[in-house]
Amino acid sequence: MKRVTSVKANEDFTLELEFGDGKRRRFDTKPYLDKGIFRQLRDVEYFKKVSVAYGTVQWQNKQDFAPETLFLESEVIE
C-alpha cells in the first residue's frame, strides 16, 4: 500500500504529495469539491490546512482521500 509522507496544498486546489517510496505526485481535488463533505474544501484557507494522517491526507473536519486514490488519480511531478 502506498503511504503519503508529506503534502503541500496549492492555491489551485491541487495537492503535491510525496509517498513512502520517494515518488512525488500531484493530485487534483477539483472534481470532488461539489460532493458532500468535500464542499468545505472550496474555502482555500481551509484547504491549505491539510496534513498527513495515517498514511494519507486529512483536514480538520476529517475529510480525507484513500492513499490508493491519491496515487492512482495523480500525475507524476518531475
PDB file of N, CA and C in Angstrom:
ATOM      1  N   MET A   1       0.840  -1.187   0.000  1.00  0.00           N
ATOM      2  CA  MET A   1       0.000   0.000   0.000  1.00  0.00           C
ATOM      3  C   MET A   1       0.882   1.247   0.000  1.00  0.00           C
ATOM      4  N   LYS A   2       0.516   2.210  -0.810  1.00  0.00           N
ATOM      5  CA  LYS A   2       1.233   3.487  -0.848  1.00  0.00           C
ATOM      6  C   LYS A   2       0.837   4.314   0.369  1.00  0.00           C
ATOM      7  N   ARG A   3       1.829   4.961   0.980  1.00  0.00           N
ATOM      8  CA  ARG A   3       1.566   5.823   2.126  1.00  0.00           C
ATOM      9  C   ARG A   3       2.109   7.214   1.841  1.00  0.00           C
ATOM     10  N   VAL A   4       1.307   8.220   2.142  1.00  0.00           N
ATOM     11  CA  VAL A   4       1.713   9.615   1.978  1.00  0.00           C
ATOM     12  C   VAL A   4       2.619   9.987   3.151  1.00  0.00           C
ATOM     13  N   THR A   5       3.757  10.628   2.823  1.00  0.00           N
ATOM     14  CA  THR A   5       4.679  11.066   3.881  1.00  0.00           C
ATOM     15  C   THR A   5       4.747  12.586   4.004  1.00  0.00           C
ATOM     16  N   SER A   6       4.348  13.307   2.924  1.00  0.00           N
ATOM     17  CA  SER A   6       4.277  14.771   3.021  1.00  0.00           C
ATOM     18  C   SER A   6       3.255  15.290   2.019  1.00  0.00           C
ATOM     19  N   VAL A   7       2.691  16.455   2.348  1.00  0.00           N
ATOM     20  CA  VAL A   7       1.682  17.067   1.496  1.00  0.00           C
ATOM     21  C   VAL A   7       1.844  18.582   1.529  1.00  0.00           C
ATOM     22  N   LYS A   8       1.596  19.196   0.376  1.00  0.00           N
ATOM     23  CA  LYS A   8       1.562  20.656   0.262  1.00  0.00           C
ATOM     24  C   LYS A   8       0.324  21.008  -0.552  1.00  0.00           C
ATOM     25  N   ALA A   9      -0.520  21.890  -0.002  1.00  0.00           N
ATOM     26  CA  ALA A   9      -1.730  22.330  -0.696  1.00  0.00           C
ATOM     27  C   ALA A   9      -1.414  23.568  -1.517  1.00  0.00           C
ATOM     28  N   ASN A  10      -1.921  23.599  -2.754  1.00  0.00           N
ATOM     29  CA  ASN A  10      -1.708  24.726  -3.661  1.00  0.00           C
ATOM     30  C   ASN A  10      -2.994  25.530  -3.841  1.00  0.00           C
ATOM     31  N   GLU A  11      -2.837  26.786  -4.249  1.00  0.00           N
ATOM     32  CA  GLU A  11      -3.973  27.693  -4.469  1.00  0.00           C
ATOM     33  C   GLU A  11      -4.964  27.164  -5.504  1.00  0.00           C
ATOM     34  N   ASP A  12      -4.508  26.326  -6.418  1.00  0.00           N
ATOM     35  CA  ASP A  12      -5.380  25.804  -7.480  1.00  0.00           C
ATOM     36  C   ASP A  12      -6.074  24.500  -7.073  1.00  0.00           C
ATOM     37  N   PHE A  13      -6.102  24.227  -5.781  1.00  0.00           N
ATOM     38  CA  PHE A  13      -6.773  23.050  -5.216  1.00  0.00           C
ATOM     39  C   PHE A  13      -6.137  21.733  -5.657  1.00  0.00           C
ATOM     40  N   THR A  14      -4.841  21.773  -5.884  1.00  0.00           N
ATOM     41  CA  THR A  14      -4.093  20.541  -6.085  1.00  0.00           C
ATOM     42  C   THR A  14      -3.247  20.293  -4.845  1.00  0.00           C
ATOM     43  N   LEU A  15      -2.871  19.038  -4.674  1.00  0.00           N
ATOM     44  CA  LEU A  15      -2.002  18.645  -3.577  1.00  0.00           C
ATOM     45  C   LEU A  15      -0.714  18.085  -4.154  1.00  0.00           C
ATOM     46  N   GLU A  16       0.406  18.568  -3.656  1.00  0.00           N
ATOM     47  CA  GLU A  16       1.696  17.975  -4.006  1.00  0.00           C
ATOM     48  C   GLU A  16       2.003  16.958  -2.923  1.00  0.00           C
ATOM     49  N   LEU A  17       2.171  15.718  -3.335  1.00  0.00           N
ATOM     50  CA  LEU A  17       2.317  14.606  -2.406  1.00  0.00           C
ATOM     51  C   LEU A  17       3.662  13.926  -2.560  1.00  0.00           C
ATOM     52  N   GLU A  18       4.195  13.444  -1.457  1.00  0.00           N
ATOM     53  CA  GLU A  18       5.336  12.544  -1.515  1.00  0.00           C
ATOM     54  C   GLU A  18       4.917  11.261  -0.807  1.00  0.00           C
ATOM     55  N   PHE A  19       5.268  10.141  -1.430  1.00  0.00           N
ATOM     56  CA  PHE A  19       4.907   8.837  -0.902  1.00  0.00           C
ATOM     57  C   PHE A  19       6.117   8.177  -0.266  1.00  0.00           C
ATOM     58  N   GLY A  20       5.872   7.143   0.509  1.00  0.00           N
ATOM     59  CA  GLY A  20       6.927   6.449   1.237  1.00  0.00           C
ATOM     60  C   GLY A  20       8.039   5.912   0.367  1.00  0.00           C
ATOM     61  N   ASP A  21       7.750   5.659  -0.902  1.00  0.00           N
ATOM     62  CA  ASP A  21       8.788   5.155  -1.820  1.00  0.00           C
ATOM     63  C   ASP A  21       9.573   6.294  -2.475  1.00  0.00           C
ATOM     64  N   GLY A  22       9.311   7.545  -2.041  1.00  0.00           N
ATOM     65  CA  GLY A  22      10.025   8.704  -2.570  1.00  0.00           C
ATOM     66  C   GLY A  22       9.391   9.324  -3.802  1.00  0.00           C
ATOM     67  N   LYS A  23       8.346   8.711  -4.352  1.00  0.00           N
ATOM     68  CA  LYS A  23       7.697   9.256  -5.545  1.00  0.00           C
ATOM     69  C   LYS A  23       6.893  10.488  -5.184  1.00  0.00           C
ATOM     70  N   ARG A  24       6.976  11.486  -6.075  1.00  0.00           N
ATOM     71  CA  ARG A  24       6.243  12.740  -5.893  1.00  0.00           C
ATOM     72  C   ARG A  24       5.160  12.835  -6.965  1.00  0.00           C
ATOM     73  N   ARG A  25       3.959  13.203  -6.535  1.00  0.00           N
ATOM     74  CA  ARG A  25       2.829  13.257  -7.462  1.00  0.00           C
ATOM     75  C   ARG A  25       1.936  14.447  -7.126  1.00  0.00           C
ATOM     76  N   ARG A  26       1.133  14.871  -8.109  1.00  0.00           N
ATOM     77  CA  ARG A  26       0.186  15.985  -7.920  1.00  0.00           C
ATOM     78  C   ARG A  26      -1.233  15.446  -8.102  1.00  0.00           C
ATOM     79  N   PHE A  27      -2.088  15.692  -7.098  1.00  0.00           N
ATOM     80  CA  PHE A  27      -3.474  15.231  -7.097  1.00  0.00           C
ATOM     81  C   PHE A  27      -4.399  16.441  -7.196  1.00  0.00           C
ATOM     82  N   ASP A  28      -5.328  16.407  -8.145  1.00  0.00           N
ATOM     83  CA  ASP A  28      -6.289  17.485  -8.359  1.00  0.00           C
ATOM     84  C   ASP A  28      -7.575  17.161  -7.609  1.00  0.00           C
ATOM     85  N   THR A  29      -7.926  17.981  -6.624  1.00  0.00           N
ATOM     86  CA  THR A  29      -9.145  17.739  -5.844  1.00  0.00           C
ATOM     87  C   THR A  29     -10.387  18.365  -6.468  1.00  0.00           C
ATOM     88  N   LYS A  30     -10.217  19.198  -7.505  1.00  0.00           N
ATOM     89  CA  LYS A  30     -11.365  19.928  -8.062  1.00  0.00           C
ATOM     90  C   LYS A  30     -12.550  19.036  -8.441  1.00  0.00           C
ATOM     91  N   PRO A  31     -12.365  17.841  -9.007  1.00  0.00           N
ATOM     92  CA  PRO A  31     -13.531  17.004  -9.334  1.00  0.00           C
ATOM     93  C   PRO A  31     -14.363  16.589  -8.110  1.00  0.00           C
ATOM     94  N   TYR A  32     -13.825  16.721  -6.931  1.00  0.00           N
ATOM     95  CA  TYR A  32     -14.516  16.297  -5.710  1.00  0.00           C
ATOM     96  C   TYR A  32     -15.184  17.451  -4.955  1.00  0.00           C
ATOM     97  N   LEU A  33     -14.886  18.697  -5.315  1.00  0.00           N
ATOM     98  CA  LEU A  33     -15.277  19.840  -4.492  1.00  0.00           C
ATOM     99  C   LEU A  33     -16.774  20.134  -4.453  1.00  0.00           C
ATOM    100  N   ASP A  34     -17.559  19.525  -5.313  1.00  0.00           N
ATOM    101  CA  ASP A  34     -19.012  19.710  -5.285  1.00  0.00           C
ATOM    102  C   ASP A  34     -19.723  18.522  -4.654  1.00  0.00           C
ATOM    103  N   LYS A  35     -18.984  17.649  -4.006  1.00  0.00           N
ATOM    104  CA  LYS A  35     -19.555  16.412  -3.466  1.00  0.00           C
ATOM    105  C   LYS A  35     -19.525  16.399  -1.942  1.00  0.00           C
ATOM    106  N   GLY A  36     -20.691  16.314  -1.345  1.00  0.00           N
ATOM    107  CA  GLY A  36     -20.840  16.091   0.094  1.00  0.00           C
ATOM    108  C   GLY A  36     -19.863  16.816   0.983  1.00  0.00           C
ATOM    109  N   ILE A  37     -19.163  16.045   1.782  1.00  0.00           N
ATOM    110  CA  ILE A  37     -18.252  16.581   2.787  1.00  0.00           C
ATOM    111  C   ILE A  37     -17.094  17.374   2.177  1.00  0.00           C
ATOM    112  N   PHE A  38     -16.788  17.129   0.917  1.00  0.00           N
ATOM    113  CA  PHE A  38     -15.663  17.821   0.276  1.00  0.00           C
ATOM    114  C   PHE A  38     -15.984  19.269  -0.088  1.00  0.00           C
ATOM    115  N   ARG A  39     -17.253  19.671  -0.035  1.00  0.00           N
ATOM    116  CA  ARG A  39     -17.615  21.070  -0.355  1.00  0.00           C
ATOM    117  C   ARG A  39     -16.866  22.068   0.521  1.00  0.00           C
ATOM    118  N   GLN A  40     -16.607  21.714   1.745  1.00  0.00           N
ATOM    119  CA  GLN A  40     -15.902  22.617   2.658  1.00  0.00           C
ATOM    120  C   GLN A  40     -14.485  22.921   2.163  1.00  0.00           C
ATOM    121  N   LEU A  41     -13.926  22.045   1.343  1.00  0.00           N
ATOM    122  CA  LEU A  41     -12.570  22.258   0.830  1.00  0.00           C
ATOM    123  C   LEU A  41     -12.501  23.398  -0.181  1.00  0.00           C
ATOM    124  N   ARG A  42     -13.652  23.887  -0.643  1.00  0.00           N
ATOM    125  CA  ARG A  42     -13.654  25.012  -1.597  1.00  0.00           C
ATOM    126  C   ARG A  42     -13.134  26.299  -0.973  1.00  0.00           C
ATOM    127  N   ASP A  43     -13.102  26.369   0.339  1.00  0.00           N
ATOM    128  CA  ASP A  43     -12.504  27.504   1.049  1.00  0.00           C
ATOM    129  C   ASP A  43     -10.992  27.276   1.046  1.00  0.00           C
ATOM    130  N   VAL A  44     -10.279  28.062   0.246  1.00  0.00           N
ATOM    131  CA  VAL A  44      -8.848  27.822   0.044  1.00  0.00           C
ATOM    132  C   VAL A  44      -8.058  27.883   1.354  1.00  0.00           C
ATOM    133  N   GLU A  45      -8.472  28.731   2.281  1.00  0.00           N
ATOM    134  CA  GLU A  45      -7.758  28.805   3.561  1.00  0.00           C
ATOM    135  C   GLU A  45      -7.929  27.513   4.352  1.00  0.00           C
ATOM    136  N   TYR A  46      -9.123  26.950   4.322  1.00  0.00           N
ATOM    137  CA  TYR A  46      -9.349  25.659   4.963  1.00  0.00           C
ATOM    138  C   TYR A  46      -8.595  24.562   4.212  1.00  0.00           C
ATOM    139  N   PHE A  47      -8.644  24.603   2.885  1.00  0.00           N
ATOM    140  CA  PHE A  47      -7.968  23.612   2.047  1.00  0.00           C
ATOM    141  C   PHE A  47      -6.486  23.525   2.386  1.00  0.00           C
ATOM    142  N   LYS A  48      -5.869  24.665   2.634  1.00  0.00           N
ATOM    143  CA  LYS A  48      -4.431  24.711   2.916  1.00  0.00           C
ATOM    144  C   LYS A  48      -4.058  24.106   4.272  1.00  0.00           C
ATOM    145  N   LYS A  49      -5.040  23.813   5.100  1.00  0.00           N
ATOM    146  CA  LYS A  49      -4.763  23.250   6.424  1.00  0.00           C
ATOM    147  C   LYS A  49      -4.680  21.725   6.409  1.00  0.00           C
ATOM    148  N   VAL A  50      -4.456  21.157   5.257  1.00  0.00           N
ATOM    149  CA  VAL A  50      -4.326  19.704   5.118  1.00  0.00           C
ATOM    150  C   VAL A  50      -3.075  19.214   5.845  1.00  0.00           C
ATOM    151  N   SER A  51      -3.139  17.995   6.331  1.00  0.00           N
ATOM    152  CA  SER A  51      -1.968  17.400   6.971  1.00  0.00           C
ATOM    153  C   SER A  51      -1.925  15.903   6.657  1.00  0.00           C
ATOM    154  N   VAL A  52      -0.791  15.306   6.943  1.00  0.00           N
ATOM    155  CA  VAL A  52      -0.637  13.863   6.770  1.00  0.00           C
ATOM    156  C   VAL A  52      -1.149  13.187   8.047  1.00  0.00           C
ATOM    157  N   ALA A  53      -1.982  12.168   7.853  1.00  0.00           N
ATOM    158  CA  ALA A  53      -2.505  11.401   8.990  1.00  0.00           C
ATOM    159  C   ALA A  53      -2.758   9.968   8.533  1.00  0.00           C
ATOM    160  N   TYR A  54      -2.222   9.029   9.261  1.00  0.00           N
ATOM    161  CA  TYR A  54      -2.484   7.606   8.998  1.00  0.00           C
ATOM    162  C   TYR A  54      -2.130   7.176   7.577  1.00  0.00           C
ATOM    163  N   GLY A  55      -1.076   7.765   7.024  1.00  0.00           N
ATOM    164  CA  GLY A  55      -0.605   7.381   5.695  1.00  0.00           C
ATOM    165  C   GLY A  55      -1.352   8.009   4.544  1.00  0.00           C
ATOM    166  N   THR A  56      -2.211   8.974   4.835  1.00  0.00           N
ATOM    167  CA  THR A  56      -2.934   9.690   3.786  1.00  0.00           C
ATOM    168  C   THR A  56      -3.017  11.157   4.178  1.00  0.00           C
ATOM    169  N   VAL A  57      -3.894  11.919   3.520  1.00  0.00           N
ATOM    170  CA  VAL A  57      -4.072  13.325   3.857  1.00  0.00           C
ATOM    171  C   VAL A  57      -5.421  13.497   4.558  1.00  0.00           C
ATOM    172  N   GLN A  58      -5.491  14.508   5.419  1.00  0.00           N
ATOM    173  CA  GLN A  58      -6.716  14.734   6.170  1.00  0.00           C
ATOM    174  C   GLN A  58      -6.830  16.208   6.539  1.00  0.00           C
ATOM    175  N   TRP A  59      -8.074  16.683   6.609  1.00  0.00           N
ATOM    176  CA  TRP A  59      -8.367  18.034   7.056  1.00  0.00           C
ATOM    177  C   TRP A  59      -8.987  17.979   8.440  1.00  0.00           C
ATOM    178  N   GLN A  60      -9.163  19.140   9.063  1.00  0.00           N
ATOM    179  CA  GLN A  60      -9.638  19.230  10.449  1.00  0.00           C
ATOM    180  C   GLN A  60     -10.984  18.540  10.674  1.00  0.00           C
ATOM    181  N   ASN A  61     -11.877  18.603   9.721  1.00  0.00           N
ATOM    182  CA  ASN A  61     -13.206  18.007   9.889  1.00  0.00           C
ATOM    183  C   ASN A  61     -13.271  16.595   9.325  1.00  0.00           C
ATOM    184  N   LYS A  62     -12.115  15.971   9.244  1.00  0.00           N
ATOM    185  CA  LYS A  62     -11.969  14.553   8.889  1.00  0.00           C
ATOM    186  C   LYS A  62     -12.198  14.208   7.420  1.00  0.00           C
ATOM    187  N   GLN A  63     -12.206  15.205   6.529  1.00  0.00           N
ATOM    188  CA  GLN A  63     -12.224  14.869   5.105  1.00  0.00           C
ATOM    189  C   GLN A  63     -10.885  14.211   4.788  1.00  0.00           C
ATOM    190  N   ASP A  64     -10.939  13.168   3.970  1.00  0.00           N
ATOM    191  CA  ASP A  64      -9.704  12.508   3.570  1.00  0.00           C
ATOM    192  C   ASP A  64      -9.914  11.770   2.254  1.00  0.00           C
ATOM    193  N   PHE A  65      -8.829  11.324   1.695  1.00  0.00           N
ATOM    194  CA  PHE A  65      -8.836  10.513   0.479  1.00  0.00           C
ATOM    195  C   PHE A  65      -8.040   9.245   0.774  1.00  0.00           C
ATOM    196  N   ALA A  66      -8.461   8.132   0.212  1.00  0.00           N
ATOM    197  CA  ALA A  66      -7.695   6.903   0.361  1.00  0.00           C
ATOM    198  C   ALA A  66      -6.332   7.093  -0.299  1.00  0.00           C
ATOM    199  N   PRO A  67      -5.266   6.586   0.301  1.00  0.00           N
ATOM    200  CA  PRO A  67      -3.948   6.757  -0.304  1.00  0.00           C
ATOM    201  C   PRO A  67      -3.863   6.142  -1.698  1.00  0.00           C
ATOM    202  N   GLU A  68      -4.618   5.072  -1.944  1.00  0.00           N
ATOM    203  CA  GLU A  68      -4.625   4.460  -3.271  1.00  0.00           C
ATOM    204  C   GLU A  68      -5.222   5.404  -4.303  1.00  0.00           C
ATOM    205  N   THR A  69      -6.281   6.118  -3.917  1.00  0.00           N
ATOM    206  CA  THR A  69      -6.896   7.108  -4.808  1.00  0.00           C
ATOM    207  C   THR A  69      -5.905   8.221  -5.108  1.00  0.00           C
ATOM    208  N   LEU A  70      -5.241   8.706  -4.087  1.00  0.00           N
ATOM    209  CA  LEU A  70      -4.263   9.779  -4.274  1.00  0.00           C
ATOM    210  C   LEU A  70      -3.171   9.363  -5.250  1.00  0.00           C
ATOM    211  N   PHE A  71      -2.715   8.132  -5.142  1.00  0.00           N
ATOM    212  CA  PHE A  71      -1.640   7.672  -6.015  1.00  0.00           C
ATOM    213  C   PHE A  71      -2.141   7.406  -7.435  1.00  0.00           C
ATOM    214  N   LEU A  72      -3.226   6.671  -7.556  1.00  0.00           N
ATOM    215  CA  LEU A  72      -3.712   6.260  -8.883  1.00  0.00           C
ATOM    216  C   LEU A  72      -4.300   7.403  -9.705  1.00  0.00           C
ATOM    217  N   GLU A  73      -4.873   8.405  -9.045  1.00  0.00           N
ATOM    218  CA  GLU A  73      -5.509   9.503  -9.766  1.00  0.00           C
ATOM    219  C   GLU A  73      -4.644  10.768  -9.808  1.00  0.00           C
ATOM    220  N   SER A  74      -3.375  10.621  -9.545  1.00  0.00           N
ATOM    221  CA  SER A  74      -2.465  11.771  -9.577  1.00  0.00           C
ATOM    222  C   SER A  74      -1.479  11.630 -10.709  1.00  0.00           C
ATOM    223  N   GLU A  75      -0.767  12.709 -10.974  1.00  0.00           N
ATOM    224  CA  GLU A  75       0.251  12.680 -12.029  1.00  0.00           C
ATOM    225  C   GLU A  75       1.627  12.875 -11.429  1.00  0.00           C
ATOM    226  N   VAL A  76       2.609  12.326 -12.079  1.00  0.00           N
ATOM    227  CA  VAL A  76       3.998  12.401 -11.609  1.00  0.00           C
ATOM    228  C   VAL A  76       4.484  13.849 -11.681  1.00  0.00           C
ATOM    229  N   ILE A  77       5.188  14.258 -10.646  1.00  0.00           N
ATOM    230  CA  ILE A  77       5.865  15.565 -10.637  1.00  0.00           C
ATOM    231  C   ILE A  77       7.313  15.296 -11.024  1.00  0.00           C
ATOM    232  N   GLU A  78       7.779  15.966 -12.012  1.00  0.00           N
ATOM    233  CA  GLU A  78       9.176  15.785 -12.462  1.00  0.00           C
ATOM    234  C   GLU A  78      10.140  16.388 -11.487  1.00  0.00           C
TER     235      GLU A  78
END
